[in-house]
Amino acid sequence: MAKSFGDYLAGAGYFLLDTTRKAVLRNDDETVQQEREAGISILTAALYEAKIKDPEIIRLLQKYYGLRENEAQEQLRIEKTINHPCSELESYLMSEEALSQQEAQDYIIDHGTVDLLRQERSLWKLSPKELLRKIE
C-alpha cells in the first residue's frame, strides 16, 4: 500500500519532534554537566580557602560528587596552582592597585597569567605582589 502525502508529513513531523527532543535533552545534559563542574569548583575553592587538609578535600569531593581519587586530586591541584592564585591576584589588584573587578580580571587574562601558572609550576606559591612582579 502506497503512503499518502499526509503519511509523509506525519512521519516528517515525528522526525522533527524526535530530533528537537534529542537536541533539548543534549542541551539539558550539557547544562547539568556545566552546573556540576561549577559546583565542584566552588566546593573545592571553599574547602581550600577554609584551610581544610588536602586528604579531607579529596574525600569530600569523592563523597559528594562521586569523583574518583585522581579526579579529586586534579581538581584540588587546579584550585591550588591556578584558580586560587588568580583569585588572590584579582583581590590584590583591586585593593592595592585600585582596579575595578573587571579591570583586574582583564589584566589577569591579558597578561596570560593562567598559562604562566601552568608553565611555571612554582609560581602559585608566590604572594600576589610577587606574582604581579613576575607577570610584569
Protein backbone atom coordinates (compact mmCIF):
# COMPACT_ATOMS: atom_id res chain seq x y z
CA MET A 1 0.00 0.00 0.00
CA ALA A 2 1.43 3.39 -1.02
CA LYS A 3 1.92 6.12 1.56
CA SER A 4 -0.07 9.26 1.15
CA PHE A 5 1.34 12.76 1.31
CA GLY A 6 -0.24 13.09 4.77
CA ASP A 7 1.63 10.00 5.96
CA TYR A 8 4.92 11.55 4.81
CA LEU A 9 4.06 14.81 6.59
CA ALA A 10 3.19 12.94 9.76
CA GLY A 11 6.44 10.99 9.52
CA ALA A 12 8.40 14.20 8.98
CA GLY A 13 6.62 15.76 11.94
CA TYR A 14 7.58 12.85 14.18
CA PHE A 15 11.16 13.04 12.90
CA LEU A 16 11.36 16.77 13.65
CA LEU A 17 9.77 16.28 17.06
CA ASP A 18 12.18 13.46 17.89
CA THR A 19 15.19 15.46 16.65
CA THR A 20 14.11 18.51 18.64
CA ARG A 21 13.58 16.39 21.76
CA LYS A 22 17.06 14.89 21.41
CA ALA A 23 18.61 18.34 20.93
CA VAL A 24 16.84 19.64 24.05
CA LEU A 25 17.96 16.62 26.08
CA ARG A 26 21.53 17.04 24.83
CA ASN A 27 21.44 20.72 25.81
CA ASP A 28 19.97 19.82 29.22
CA ASP A 29 22.76 17.25 29.72
CA GLU A 30 25.40 19.87 28.86
CA THR A 31 23.82 22.38 31.23
CA VAL A 32 23.68 19.83 34.04
CA GLN A 33 27.34 18.94 33.42
CA GLN A 34 28.37 22.61 33.47
CA GLU A 35 26.47 23.17 36.72
CA ARG A 36 28.08 20.07 38.24
CA GLU A 37 31.56 21.28 37.26
CA ALA A 38 30.80 24.71 38.72
CA GLY A 39 29.65 23.09 41.96
CA ILE A 40 32.83 21.01 42.17
CA SER A 41 34.94 24.10 41.60
CA ILE A 42 33.05 26.16 44.20
CA LEU A 43 33.27 23.41 46.83
CA THR A 44 36.97 22.89 46.17
CA ALA A 45 37.67 26.63 46.46
CA ALA A 46 35.64 26.94 49.66
CA LEU A 47 37.35 23.98 51.31
CA TYR A 48 40.80 25.14 50.22
CA GLU A 49 40.21 28.69 51.48
CA ALA A 50 38.95 27.24 54.77
CA LYS A 51 42.37 25.56 55.04
CA ILE A 52 40.90 22.06 55.12
CA LYS A 53 43.64 19.44 54.73
CA ASP A 54 44.13 18.06 51.22
CA PRO A 55 43.12 14.45 52.04
CA GLU A 56 39.85 15.70 53.54
CA ILE A 57 39.12 17.87 50.49
CA ILE A 58 39.71 14.87 48.24
CA ARG A 59 37.49 12.69 50.43
CA LEU A 60 34.65 15.24 50.37
CA LEU A 61 34.85 15.68 46.59
CA GLN A 62 34.65 11.91 46.22
CA LYS A 63 31.76 11.65 48.65
CA TYR A 64 29.58 14.49 47.36
CA TYR A 65 30.41 14.43 43.65
CA GLY A 66 31.36 10.81 43.11
CA LEU A 67 34.78 11.74 41.75
CA ARG A 68 37.49 9.13 41.52
CA GLU A 69 40.51 9.86 43.69
CA ASN A 70 42.65 11.01 40.75
CA GLU A 71 39.84 13.34 39.54
CA ALA A 72 39.54 14.88 43.01
CA GLN A 73 43.32 15.29 43.22
CA GLU A 74 43.37 17.02 39.84
CA GLN A 75 40.56 19.36 40.88
CA LEU A 76 42.49 20.27 44.03
CA ARG A 77 45.69 20.79 42.03
CA ILE A 78 43.92 23.20 39.67
CA GLU A 79 42.44 25.11 42.62
CA LYS A 80 45.79 25.36 44.41
CA THR A 81 48.00 26.22 41.48
CA ILE A 82 45.76 28.25 39.16
CA ASN A 83 42.35 29.32 40.47
CA HIS A 84 43.40 30.43 43.97
CA PRO A 85 46.48 32.42 42.85
CA CYS A 86 44.36 34.17 40.18
CA SER A 87 41.69 34.98 42.74
CA GLU A 88 44.28 36.34 45.17
CA LEU A 89 45.88 38.40 42.41
CA GLU A 90 42.48 39.78 41.44
CA SER A 91 41.85 40.87 45.05
CA TYR A 92 45.31 42.41 45.26
CA LEU A 93 44.84 44.36 42.04
CA MET A 94 41.52 45.68 43.30
CA SER A 95 42.72 46.67 46.78
CA GLU A 96 46.31 47.75 46.14
CA GLU A 97 46.22 48.93 42.53
CA ALA A 98 42.68 50.40 42.66
CA LEU A 99 41.47 48.44 39.65
CA SER A 100 37.81 47.53 39.23
CA GLN A 101 36.97 43.85 39.32
CA GLN A 102 36.56 43.80 35.53
CA GLU A 103 39.88 45.61 35.04
CA ALA A 104 41.62 43.14 37.37
CA GLN A 105 40.14 40.16 35.52
CA ASP A 106 41.10 41.68 32.17
CA TYR A 107 44.65 42.28 33.44
CA ILE A 108 44.96 38.64 34.51
CA ILE A 109 43.67 37.42 31.15
CA ASP A 110 45.60 39.91 29.01
CA HIS A 111 48.89 39.06 30.72
CA GLY A 112 48.44 35.29 30.26
CA THR A 113 48.53 34.61 33.98
CA VAL A 114 46.77 31.25 33.73
CA ASP A 115 49.22 30.00 31.10
CA LEU A 116 52.16 31.31 33.11
CA LEU A 117 50.93 29.48 36.23
CA ARG A 118 50.53 26.28 34.19
CA GLN A 119 54.03 26.55 32.72
CA GLU A 120 55.97 27.62 35.80
CA ARG A 121 54.72 25.26 38.48
CA SER A 122 56.30 27.06 41.45
CA LEU A 123 54.65 30.45 40.83
CA TRP A 124 51.49 29.51 42.72
CA LYS A 125 53.48 29.73 45.96
CA LEU A 126 54.23 33.42 45.46
CA SER A 127 52.31 36.20 47.18
CA PRO A 128 50.02 38.23 44.90
CA LYS A 129 52.55 41.09 44.95
CA GLU A 130 55.41 38.78 43.93
CA LEU A 131 53.25 37.14 41.27
CA LEU A 132 52.40 40.55 39.86
CA ARG A 133 56.12 41.41 39.60
CA LYS A 134 56.75 38.11 37.82
CA ILE A 135 53.93 38.76 35.34
CA GLU A 136 55.15 42.27 34.52
